[in-house]
């Protein structure tokens, strides 16, 4: 009788462990909360002027905050000329960038950040990495303990639960 109880308890503990293991997230975390927060601040002072504070971009001159008329003249001209500023987070962003690596995304952000027509101040590689962490967070990725690096080979969609 005692042997049956012991076997039953072992089986029960094994099942519980299997259930808990199945519930744990296998989504990798490739940036820290501090990076995402630093990225938010940098984004709002740079990219957010055109791509909007929600990171969802603009589909027209009238779309999004801050209002286009409140931006520097070069930004207003760029937005009026293109009539579309792509999103840096969300469904449309993930359909475009989801199959690419984080390193590719950082490299693309770096190209834009280096464009002299945008007049970004203090925009270095670390700032771009932090902005990328923020964009990933807004898209649903979770922060972890490991800092994001510009050579991270994770596929963007693999980070979004």
Foldseek 3Di string as FASTA:
>chain_A
DVVVVVVVVVVVVVVVVVVVVVPDDPQDAAAAPVLLVLLLVLCVVAVCCQCNNLQAWAQAQCDHPPRLVVDPPLSNVVCHVVRTDHGLADDVNCVVQQQFFLLVVLVVLVVVLPPVSRVRPPDDSSNSQSNSSNRLVSNAFDHDDHHHDNPGGHRSNSRHD
